[in-house]
Structure formats: C-alpha cells, structure tokens
PDB file of all heavy atoms in Angstrom:
ATOM      1  N   SER A   1    -135.669 244.404-178.555  1.00  0.00           N
ATOM      2  CA  SER A   1    -135.325 245.777-178.889  1.00  0.00           C
ATOM      3  C   SER A   1    -134.671 245.809-180.274  1.00  0.00           C
ATOM      4  O   SER A   1    -134.527 244.807-180.964  1.00  0.00           O
ATOM      5  CB  SER A   1    -134.391 246.361-177.824  1.00  0.00           C
ATOM      6  OG  SER A   1    -133.148 245.686-177.834  1.00  0.00           O
ATOM      7  N   SER A   2    -134.286 247.022-180.666  1.00  0.00           N
ATOM      8  CA  SER A   2    -133.624 247.213-181.961  1.00  0.00           C
ATOM      9  C   SER A   2    -132.357 248.051-181.717  1.00  0.00           C
ATOM     10  O   SER A   2    -132.356 248.968-180.915  1.00  0.00           O
ATOM     11  CB  SER A   2    -134.590 247.944-182.882  1.00  0.00           C
ATOM     12  OG  SER A   2    -133.984 248.160-184.121  1.00  0.00           O
ATOM     13  N   ARG A   3    -131.238 247.671-182.403  1.00  0.00           N
ATOM     14  CA  ARG A   3    -129.993 248.403-182.267  1.00  0.00           C
ATOM     15  C   ARG A   3    -129.486 248.771-183.619  1.00  0.00           C
ATOM     16  O   ARG A   3    -129.695 248.040-184.597  1.00  0.00           O
ATOM     17  CB  ARG A   3    -128.939 247.564-181.582  1.00  0.00           C
ATOM     18  CG  ARG A   3    -129.288 247.067-180.183  1.00  0.00           C
ATOM     19  CD  ARG A   3    -128.917 248.117-179.117  1.00  0.00           C
ATOM     20  NE  ARG A   3    -128.922 247.625-177.759  1.00  0.00           N
ATOM     21  CZ  ARG A   3    -130.019 247.397-177.112  1.00  0.00           C
ATOM     22  NH1 ARG A   3    -131.211 247.662-177.566  1.00  0.00           N
ATOM     23  NH2 ARG A   3    -129.934 247.003-175.842  1.00  0.00           N
ATOM     24  N   ASP A   4    -128.804 249.905-183.723  1.00  0.00           N
ATOM     25  CA  ASP A   4    -128.251 250.324-184.975  1.00  0.00           C
ATOM     26  C   ASP A   4    -126.792 249.823-185.164  1.00  0.00           C
ATOM     27  O   ASP A   4    -125.938 250.429-185.774  1.00  0.00           O
ATOM     28  CB  ASP A   4    -128.298 251.872-185.172  1.00  0.00           C
ATOM     29  CG  ASP A   4    -127.553 252.615-184.085  1.00  0.00           C
ATOM     30  OD1 ASP A   4    -126.916 251.959-183.236  1.00  0.00           O
ATOM     31  OD2 ASP A   4    -127.565 253.847-184.131  1.00  0.00           O
ATOM     32  N   TRP A   5    -126.522 248.660-184.640  1.00  0.00           N
ATOM     33  CA  TRP A   5    -125.297 247.984-184.788  1.00  0.00           C
ATOM     34  C   TRP A   5    -125.452 246.457-184.689  1.00  0.00           C
ATOM     35  O   TRP A   5    -126.516 245.999-184.198  1.00  0.00           O
ATOM     36  CB  TRP A   5    -124.212 248.461-183.761  1.00  0.00           C
ATOM     37  CG  TRP A   5    -124.707 248.481-182.339  1.00  0.00           C
ATOM     38  CD1 TRP A   5    -125.387 249.474-181.719  1.00  0.00           C
ATOM     39  CD2 TRP A   5    -124.558 247.432-181.351  1.00  0.00           C
ATOM     40  NE1 TRP A   5    -125.686 249.125-180.438  1.00  0.00           N
ATOM     41  CE2 TRP A   5    -125.166 247.884-180.164  1.00  0.00           C
ATOM     42  CE3 TRP A   5    -123.930 246.185-181.385  1.00  0.00           C
ATOM     43  CZ2 TRP A   5    -125.215 247.104-178.993  1.00  0.00           C
ATOM     44  CZ3 TRP A   5    -123.997 245.427-180.238  1.00  0.00           C
ATOM     45  CH2 TRP A   5    -124.585 245.860-179.084  1.00  0.00           C
ATOM     46  N   PHE A   6    -124.482 245.730-185.144  1.00  0.00           N
ATOM     47  CA  PHE A   6    -124.482 244.243-185.090  1.00  0.00           C
ATOM     48  C   PHE A   6    -123.229 243.885-184.357  1.00  0.00           C
ATOM     49  O   PHE A   6    -122.124 244.353-184.639  1.00  0.00           O
ATOM     50  CB  PHE A   6    -124.473 243.759-186.549  1.00  0.00           C
ATOM     51  CG  PHE A   6    -124.595 242.259-186.694  1.00  0.00           C
ATOM     52  CD1 PHE A   6    -125.870 241.705-186.637  1.00  0.00           C
ATOM     53  CD2 PHE A   6    -123.495 241.446-186.894  1.00  0.00           C
ATOM     54  CE1 PHE A   6    -126.013 240.296-186.810  1.00  0.00           C
ATOM     55  CE2 PHE A   6    -123.627 240.087-187.064  1.00  0.00           C
ATOM     56  CZ  PHE A   6    -124.906 239.514-187.014  1.00  0.00           C
ATOM     57  N   PRO A   7    -123.327 242.948-183.394  1.00  0.00           N
ATOM     58  CA  PRO A   7    -122.151 242.597-182.573  1.00  0.00           C
ATOM     59  C   PRO A   7    -121.083 241.916-183.425  1.00  0.00           C
ATOM     60  O   PRO A   7    -121.353 240.951-184.127  1.00  0.00           O
ATOM     61  CB  PRO A   7    -122.680 241.653-181.525  1.00  0.00           C
ATOM     62  CG  PRO A   7    -124.138 241.795-181.546  1.00  0.00           C
ATOM     63  CD  PRO A   7    -124.501 242.261-182.916  1.00  0.00           C
ATOM     64  N   ALA A   8    -119.857 242.331-183.267  1.00  0.00           N
ATOM     65  CA  ALA A   8    -118.697 241.662-183.946  1.00  0.00           C
ATOM     66  C   ALA A   8    -118.246 240.577-182.932  1.00  0.00           C
ATOM     67  O   ALA A   8    -117.133 240.622-182.426  1.00  0.00           O
ATOM     68  CB  ALA A   8    -117.600 242.646-184.238  1.00  0.00           C
ATOM     69  N   LEU A   9    -119.150 239.660-182.693  1.00  0.00           N
ATOM     70  CA  LEU A   9    -118.960 238.675-181.615  1.00  0.00           C
ATOM     71  C   LEU A   9    -119.121 237.272-182.201  1.00  0.00           C
ATOM     72  O   LEU A   9    -119.967 237.014-183.045  1.00  0.00           O
ATOM     73  CB  LEU A   9    -120.008 238.923-180.561  1.00  0.00           C
ATOM     74  CG  LEU A   9    -120.037 238.065-179.314  1.00  0.00           C
ATOM     75  CD1 LEU A   9    -118.780 238.292-178.478  1.00  0.00           C
ATOM     76  CD2 LEU A   9    -121.253 238.373-178.475  1.00  0.00           C
ATOM     77  N   ALA A  10    -118.275 236.362-181.682  1.00  0.00           N
ATOM     78  CA  ALA A  10    -118.365 234.957-182.027  1.00  0.00           C
ATOM     79  C   ALA A  10    -118.405 234.121-180.807  1.00  0.00           C
ATOM     80  O   ALA A  10    -117.809 234.471-179.780  1.00  0.00           O
ATOM     81  CB  ALA A  10    -117.152 234.572-182.895  1.00  0.00           C
ATOM     82  N   ALA A  11    -119.162 233.043-180.815  1.00  0.00           N
ATOM     83  CA  ALA A  11    -119.267 232.122-179.692  1.00  0.00           C
ATOM     84  C   ALA A  11    -119.083 230.722-180.196  1.00  0.00           C
ATOM     85  O   ALA A  11    -119.555 230.350-181.272  1.00  0.00           O
ATOM     86  CB  ALA A  11    -120.625 232.256-178.992  1.00  0.00           C
ATOM     87  N   PHE A  12    -118.367 229.935-179.409  1.00  0.00           N
ATOM     88  CA  PHE A  12    -118.059 228.558-179.786  1.00  0.00           C
ATOM     89  C   PHE A  12    -118.376 227.620-178.651  1.00  0.00           C
ATOM     90  O   PHE A  12    -118.085 227.913-177.486  1.00  0.00           O
ATOM     91  CB  PHE A  12    -116.545 228.439-180.088  1.00  0.00           C
ATOM     92  CG  PHE A  12    -116.089 229.442-181.108  1.00  0.00           C
ATOM     93  CD1 PHE A  12    -115.744 230.726-180.717  1.00  0.00           C
ATOM     94  CD2 PHE A  12    -116.068 229.098-182.463  1.00  0.00           C
ATOM     95  CE1 PHE A  12    -115.321 231.660-181.642  1.00  0.00           C
ATOM     96  CE2 PHE A  12    -115.655 230.026-183.398  1.00  0.00           C
ATOM     97  CZ  PHE A  12    -115.268 231.297-182.999  1.00  0.00           C
ATOM     98  N   HIS A  13    -119.017 226.487-179.007  1.00  0.00           N
ATOM     99  CA  HIS A  13    -119.324 225.492-177.979  1.00  0.00           C
ATOM    100  C   HIS A  13    -117.999 224.813-177.613  1.00  0.00           C
ATOM    101  O   HIS A  13    -117.289 224.302-178.532  1.00  0.00           O
ATOM    102  CB  HIS A  13    -120.341 224.475-178.462  1.00  0.00           C
ATOM    103  CG  HIS A  13    -120.943 223.713-177.344  1.00  0.00           C
ATOM    104  ND1 HIS A  13    -120.336 222.603-176.748  1.00  0.00           N
ATOM    105  CD2 HIS A  13    -122.073 223.922-176.631  1.00  0.00           C
ATOM    106  CE1 HIS A  13    -121.082 222.183-175.779  1.00  0.00           C
ATOM    107  NE2 HIS A  13    -122.151 222.948-175.654  1.00  0.00           N
ATOM    108  N   VAL A  14    -117.664 224.776-176.352  1.00  0.00           N
ATOM    109  CA  VAL A  14    -116.375 224.287-175.917  1.00  0.00           C
ATOM    110  C   VAL A  14    -116.172 222.795-176.189  1.00  0.00           C
ATOM    111  O   VAL A  14    -115.091 222.337-176.558  1.00  0.00           O
ATOM    112  CB  VAL A  14    -116.149 224.607-174.429  1.00  0.00           C
ATOM    113  CG1 VAL A  14    -114.857 224.022-173.929  1.00  0.00           C
ATOM    114  CG2 VAL A  14    -116.159 226.100-174.178  1.00  0.00           C
ATOM    115  N   GLU A  15    -117.246 221.993-176.091  1.00  0.00           N
ATOM    116  CA  GLU A  15    -117.148 220.587-176.227  1.00  0.00           C
ATOM    117  C   GLU A  15    -117.373 220.067-177.657  1.00  0.00           C
ATOM    118  O   GLU A  15    -117.032 218.960-177.946  1.00  0.00           O
ATOM    119  CB  GLU A  15    -118.121 219.901-175.283  1.00  0.00           C
ATOM    120  CG  GLU A  15    -117.801 220.179-173.848  1.00  0.00           C
ATOM    121  CD  GLU A  15    -118.880 219.690-172.896  1.00  0.00           C
ATOM    122  OE1 GLU A  15    -119.783 218.939-173.345  1.00  0.00           O
ATOM    123  OE2 GLU A  15    -118.856 220.082-171.724  1.00  0.00           O
ATOM    124  N   CYS A  16    -118.000 220.890-178.506  1.00  0.00           N
ATOM    125  CA  CYS A  16    -118.339 220.410-179.841  1.00  0.00           C
ATOM    126  C   CYS A  16    -117.745 221.362-180.860  1.00  0.00           C
ATOM    127  O   CYS A  16    -118.125 222.519-180.909  1.00  0.00           O
ATOM    128  CB  CYS A  16    -119.869 220.349-180.006  1.00  0.00           C
ATOM    129  SG  CYS A  16    -120.364 219.835-181.611  1.00  0.00           S
ATOM    130  N   THR A  17    -116.840 220.876-181.689  1.00  0.00           N
ATOM    131  CA  THR A  17    -116.158 221.762-182.672  1.00  0.00           C
ATOM    132  C   THR A  17    -117.102 222.376-183.686  1.00  0.00           C
ATOM    133  O   THR A  17    -116.764 223.365-184.291  1.00  0.00           O
ATOM    134  CB  THR A  17    -115.030 220.989-183.389  1.00  0.00           C
ATOM    135  OG1 THR A  17    -115.595 219.888-184.045  1.00  0.00           O
ATOM    136  CG2 THR A  17    -113.930 220.553-182.420  1.00  0.00           C
ATOM    137  N   GLY A  18    -118.237 221.769-183.947  1.00  0.00           N
ATOM    138  CA  GLY A  18    -119.128 222.230-184.998  1.00  0.00           C
ATOM    139  C   GLY A  18    -120.023 223.354-184.590  1.00  0.00           C
ATOM    140  O   GLY A  18    -120.581 224.037-185.468  1.00  0.00           O
ATOM    141  N   ASP A  19    -120.269 223.556-183.328  1.00  0.00           N
ATOM    142  CA  ASP A  19    -121.257 224.576-182.903  1.00  0.00           C
ATOM    143  C   ASP A  19    -120.611 225.930-182.744  1.00  0.00           C
ATOM    144  O   ASP A  19    -119.782 226.164-181.875  1.00  0.00           O
ATOM    145  CB  ASP A  19    -121.908 224.144-181.551  1.00  0.00           C
ATOM    146  CG  ASP A  19    -122.824 222.956-181.712  1.00  0.00           C
ATOM    147  OD1 ASP A  19    -123.161 222.627-182.874  1.00  0.00           O
ATOM    148  OD2 ASP A  19    -123.180 222.401-180.704  1.00  0.00           O
ATOM    149  N   ARG A  20    -121.059 226.853-183.650  1.00  0.00           N
ATOM    150  CA  ARG A  20    -120.576 228.253-183.600  1.00  0.00           C
ATOM    151  C   ARG A  20    -121.750 229.200-183.784  1.00  0.00           C
ATOM    152  O   ARG A  20    -122.713 228.856-184.480  1.00  0.00           O
ATOM    153  CB  ARG A  20    -119.535 228.491-184.699  1.00  0.00           C
ATOM    154  CG  ARG A  20    -118.305 227.663-184.591  1.00  0.00           C
ATOM    155  CD  ARG A  20    -117.358 227.914-185.694  1.00  0.00           C
ATOM    156  NE  ARG A  20    -117.586 226.998-186.774  1.00  0.00           N
ATOM    157  CZ  ARG A  20    -116.658 226.555-187.588  1.00  0.00           C
ATOM    158  NH1 ARG A  20    -115.420 227.006-187.485  1.00  0.00           N
ATOM    159  NH2 ARG A  20    -116.909 225.742-188.553  1.00  0.00           N
ATOM    160  N   ALA A  21    -121.619 230.352-183.215  1.00  0.00           N
ATOM    161  CA  ALA A  21    -122.671 231.384-183.397  1.00  0.00           C
ATOM    162  C   ALA A  21    -121.979 232.735-183.547  1.00  0.00           C
ATOM    163  O   ALA A  21    -120.903 232.934-183.043  1.00  0.00           O
ATOM    164  CB  ALA A  21    -123.588 231.379-182.155  1.00  0.00           C
ATOM    165  N   TYR A  22    -122.669 233.632-184.260  1.00  0.00           N
ATOM    166  CA  TYR A  22    -122.106 234.945-184.546  1.00  0.00           C
ATOM    167  C   TYR A  22    -123.184 236.050-184.311  1.00  0.00           C
ATOM    168  O   TYR A  22    -124.347 235.731-184.410  1.00  0.00           O
ATOM    169  CB  TYR A  22    -121.608 234.991-186.010  1.00  0.00           C
ATOM    170  CG  TYR A  22    -120.513 233.992-186.250  1.00  0.00           C
ATOM    171  CD1 TYR A  22    -120.843 232.692-186.697  1.00  0.00           C
ATOM    172  CD2 TYR A  22    -119.193 234.335-186.035  1.00  0.00           C
ATOM    173  CE1 TYR A  22    -119.822 231.806-186.943  1.00  0.00           C
ATOM    174  CE2 TYR A  22    -118.173 233.433-186.257  1.00  0.00           C
ATOM    175  CZ  TYR A  22    -118.474 232.199-186.709  1.00  0.00           C
ATOM    176  OH  TYR A  22    -117.502 231.257-186.892  1.00  0.00           O
ATOM    177  N   GLY A  23    -122.719 237.260-184.077  1.00  0.00           N
ATOM    178  CA  GLY A  23    -123.631 238.370-183.984  1.00  0.00           C
ATOM    179  C   GLY A  23    -124.544 238.247-182.798  1.00  0.00           C
ATOM    180  O   GLY A  23    -124.141 237.862-181.675  1.00  0.00           O
ATOM    181  N   TRP A  24    -125.864 238.460-183.048  1.00  0.00           N
ATOM    182  CA  TRP A  24    -126.827 238.402-181.936  1.00  0.00           C
ATOM    183  C   TRP A  24    -127.026 236.993-181.403  1.00  0.00           C
ATOM    184  O   TRP A  24    -127.256 236.795-180.235  1.00  0.00           O
ATOM    185  CB  TRP A  24    -128.169 239.001-182.375  1.00  0.00           C
ATOM    186  CG  TRP A  24    -128.074 240.476-182.562  1.00  0.00           C
ATOM    187  CD1 TRP A  24    -128.231 241.164-183.753  1.00  0.00           C
ATOM    188  CD2 TRP A  24    -127.807 241.465-181.585  1.00  0.00           C
ATOM    189  NE1 TRP A  24    -128.044 242.523-183.523  1.00  0.00           N
ATOM    190  CE2 TRP A  24    -127.776 242.732-182.215  1.00  0.00           C
ATOM    191  CE3 TRP A  24    -127.536 241.421-180.213  1.00  0.00           C
ATOM    192  CZ2 TRP A  24    -127.519 243.905-181.569  1.00  0.00           C
ATOM    193  CZ3 TRP A  24    -127.325 242.586-179.541  1.00  0.00           C
ATOM    194  CH2 TRP A  24    -127.306 243.845-180.188  1.00  0.00           C
ATOM    195  N   ASP A  25    -126.835 235.989-182.260  1.00  0.00           N
ATOM    196  CA  ASP A  25    -126.888 234.611-181.776  1.00  0.00           C
ATOM    197  C   ASP A  25    -125.767 234.353-180.744  1.00  0.00           C
ATOM    198  O   ASP A  25    -125.983 233.697-179.733  1.00  0.00           O
ATOM    199  CB  ASP A  25    -126.804 233.652-182.936  1.00  0.00           C
ATOM    200  CG  ASP A  25    -127.992 233.616-183.817  1.00  0.00           C
ATOM    201  OD1 ASP A  25    -129.092 234.058-183.346  1.00  0.00           O
ATOM    202  OD2 ASP A  25    -127.909 233.254-184.996  1.00  0.00           O
ATOM    203  N   ALA A  26    -124.568 234.863-181.046  1.00  0.00           N
ATOM    204  CA  ALA A  26    -123.447 234.705-180.142  1.00  0.00           C
ATOM    205  C   ALA A  26    -123.676 235.512-178.874  1.00  0.00           C
ATOM    206  O   ALA A  26    -123.275 235.091-177.768  1.00  0.00           O
ATOM    207  CB  ALA A  26    -122.162 235.184-180.829  1.00  0.00           C
ATOM    208  N   TRP A  27    -124.326 236.607-179.022  1.00  0.00           N
ATOM    209  CA  TRP A  27    -124.689 237.489-177.851  1.00  0.00           C
ATOM    210  C   TRP A  27    -125.454 236.656-176.811  1.00  0.00           C
ATOM    211  O   TRP A  27    -125.175 236.741-175.595  1.00  0.00           O
ATOM    212  CB  TRP A  27    -125.471 238.698-178.339  1.00  0.00           C
ATOM    213  CG  TRP A  27    -125.715 239.736-177.329  1.00  0.00           C
ATOM    214  CD1 TRP A  27    -126.736 239.802-176.402  1.00  0.00           C
ATOM    215  CD2 TRP A  27    -124.956 240.953-177.116  1.00  0.00           C
ATOM    216  NE1 TRP A  27    -126.654 240.938-175.681  1.00  0.00           N
ATOM    217  CE2 TRP A  27    -125.563 241.681-176.069  1.00  0.00           C
ATOM    218  CE3 TRP A  27    -123.828 241.457-177.723  1.00  0.00           C
ATOM    219  CZ2 TRP A  27    -125.058 242.882-175.656  1.00  0.00           C
ATOM    220  CZ3 TRP A  27    -123.321 242.652-177.317  1.00  0.00           C
ATOM    221  CH2 TRP A  27    -123.946 243.338-176.278  1.00  0.00           C
ATOM    222  N   THR A  28    -126.428 235.923-177.263  1.00  0.00           N
ATOM    223  CA  THR A  28    -127.268 235.132-176.333  1.00  0.00           C
ATOM    224  C   THR A  28    -126.451 233.963-175.755  1.00  0.00           C
ATOM    225  O   THR A  28    -126.779 233.507-174.646  1.00  0.00           O
ATOM    226  CB  THR A  28    -128.553 234.606-177.002  1.00  0.00           C
ATOM    227  OG1 THR A  28    -128.179 233.740-178.089  1.00  0.00           O
ATOM    228  CG2 THR A  28    -129.393 235.757-177.531  1.00  0.00           C
ATOM    229  N   LYS A  29    -125.493 233.468-176.481  1.00  0.00           N
ATOM    230  CA  LYS A  29    -124.722 232.281-175.995  1.00  0.00           C
ATOM    231  C   LYS A  29    -123.748 232.638-174.886  1.00  0.00           C
ATOM    232  O   LYS A  29    -123.266 231.816-174.184  1.00  0.00           O
ATOM    233  CB  LYS A  29    -123.934 231.677-177.163  1.00  0.00           C
ATOM    234  CG  LYS A  29    -124.757 231.165-178.307  1.00  0.00           C
ATOM    235  CD  LYS A  29    -125.540 229.954-177.933  1.00  0.00           C
ATOM    236  CE  LYS A  29    -126.279 229.410-179.153  1.00  0.00           C
ATOM    237  NZ  LYS A  29    -127.389 228.521-178.781  1.00  0.00           N
ATOM    238  N   GLN A  30    -123.433 233.947-174.741  1.00  0.00           N
ATOM    239  CA  GLN A  30    -122.454 234.353-173.709  1.00  0.00           C
ATOM    240  C   GLN A  30    -122.829 233.895-172.295  1.00  0.00           C
ATOM    241  O   GLN A  30    -121.968 233.602-171.500  1.00  0.00           O
ATOM    242  CB  GLN A  30    -122.339 235.901-173.703  1.00  0.00           C
ATOM    243  CG  GLN A  30    -121.708 236.468-174.901  1.00  0.00           C
ATOM    244  CD  GLN A  30    -121.602 237.975-174.799  1.00  0.00           C
ATOM    245  OE1 GLN A  30    -120.549 238.472-174.473  1.00  0.00           O
ATOM    246  NE2 GLN A  30    -122.689 238.686-175.024  1.00  0.00           N
ATOM    247  N   ALA A  31    -124.122 233.872-172.041  1.00  0.00           N
ATOM    248  CA  ALA A  31    -124.602 233.491-170.707  1.00  0.00           C
ATOM    249  C   ALA A  31    -124.809 231.990-170.539  1.00  0.00           C
ATOM    250  O   ALA A  31    -125.122 231.548-169.435  1.00  0.00           O
ATOM    251  CB  ALA A  31    -125.897 234.232-170.403  1.00  0.00           C
TER     252      ALA A  31
END
C-alpha cells in the first residue's frame, strides 16, 4: 500500500549492536 506518512520508528536487534532499522524497515521488524 501507500501512506502519506513515514513512521518515526526505530528497531534494534537485541543481540547484535550493529543491526538497526528505521521507518518502514523498522515497521516490519516489530513482529
């Protein structure tokens, strides 16, 4: 789909300090 906004969201891999995701990439990591 398409949205007229971008998530102000960040996701971090708990075991690996280097893995981070933001926006829609972080959105998918939530699950």
